[in-house]
Amino acid sequence: MYFSIKERTLGIFYNFTIYLAQFVLHVLSLFNAKIKLGVRGRKETFQKLKNAIQKNDKTLWFHCASLGEYEQGLPVFRALKSQFPTHKIVLTFFSPSGYEIRKNTDIADVVVYLPLDSKHNAKHFLNMVNPELTIFVKYDIWPNYLKEVKKRNLKAILISALFRKNQSFFKFYGKGMQEALFAFEHIFTQDNDSKELLESINYNSVTISGDTRFDRVYNQLKIDNTLDFVNTFKQNKLCVVAGSTWPEDENLLIDFINNHQNDNVKFIIAPHNIKSNQISKLKSSLNKKTILFSEKDSNDLSQYHVLIIDTIGLLSKIYSYANIAYVGGAIGNTGLHNTLEPAVFGVPIIIGNHYEKFPEAKSMIKNQGMFSISNQGELNIILSDLITNQTKREHSGRLNFAYIKKNKGAVIQIIDFLRK
């Protein structure tokens, strides 16, 4: 009885925090544009669902926290869309950074923000959607939604899951969150550590399938990655592509570029933040001949040493032109961006030193295809070495490609399970 009362108390506290969060987000939306997008978008969710879904429609529900999880789940989504062509697909996001970029994706019939995880919202959402299959990607576990899914005996799986022992699922106070996990009929994990953590709470319907992002990036090789403007810019010279950079990354790159004397090396920088003031600051900090993507049509790109990409959606193709890649986020505290995208093109990769939560980075560093730096001096040494040492550069790149090829195949395991 003691644990029952305690769990009920924790449940009441959780539901109270959801209502409190709703109030706080409304207040913060007055001052923060990104939060305002989410608050406004969630108000429209149920009307959009009502317009898109009829009572007799068969549906699939895919949920992603943000853009990264969407990209992670996309190969599975595409496979299921092909397998269930008459079903309507509902795609939900929690974060504006996912929704705003992929709200018009062709993978789904309707894309909406997931309403906050109240009991009322969960019941209302599932009454409208009633999915034959629900897929959550990686994490973003919402107890009220998942408990309602289980209560209705709806099929749900979690893919590309990655757990850490300090998460609430594995703590004495995490019974409610554990119950949410048990709503999934099966969980596909990225690694054995995650599987063992699940087994420690007696969740045993687990498969180590790896990360679906390997399939996602490997599929990049099957499409045409040609970009004429990059061909014109690069010519036949060695090219360093710095992707998803933040100011902390750019400060190091600026110093290296400004002091680099080899004119046979070109640099492409694709910042994470493409706001005009940030782009202008970056451009003005470089003493080499620099041009923006937005200026390309009225200039001869071949005459420039640095190209700054002040738009989104091109980076995965731009990496195909890289001889060396730098991936941003890990030199500061913003989180390492996708290192698998350049790895699939067989190039060596440089990152910052805060990569503890990224198993793929640990593996590629161990394999010697990726190099971690923590300061200007280390970047100068490693980047200069990769520029001048062709044998090392190409060997490291081959190791990264081999790592991608070895680890693809998660999608096949997931689809085979769902066909049973």
Foldseek 3Di string as FASTA:
>chain_A
DVVVVLLVVVVVVVQVVLVVVLVVLVVCVVPDVFSVVLNVQLVCVLVQLVVQDDPPAAEEEEEEAAQVQCLQCVVLLVVVCVVCVRHAYEYEYQGPNHCVVCQPPPSGSGYGHQHGQHLVSLVSVCSSHVHQEYEYEADPQRLNNLVVLQVVVHAYEYEQHDDDCPDLCNDPSNPSSVVSVVSHPAYAYQDDVVQVSNVVVPDHRYHPLHTSSLVSLLCVVVDDLDDPLVCQQLPPAAEEEEEQADPVVLVLVQVLQQPDDDQSYAYEYEHVDLPPVVVVVSVVSHPFFEDEPVCSVPDRNNRGRYYYYSDDDNVLSVLLRHLEYEWYDQLDPRATDDPLSNLLSLWAYEYEDRHVSPVLQVVLVVLVLYYYDRDNVVCNVVVVCLNVPVVSGNVSSVSSNVVSVVSHDSSVVVVVVVVD
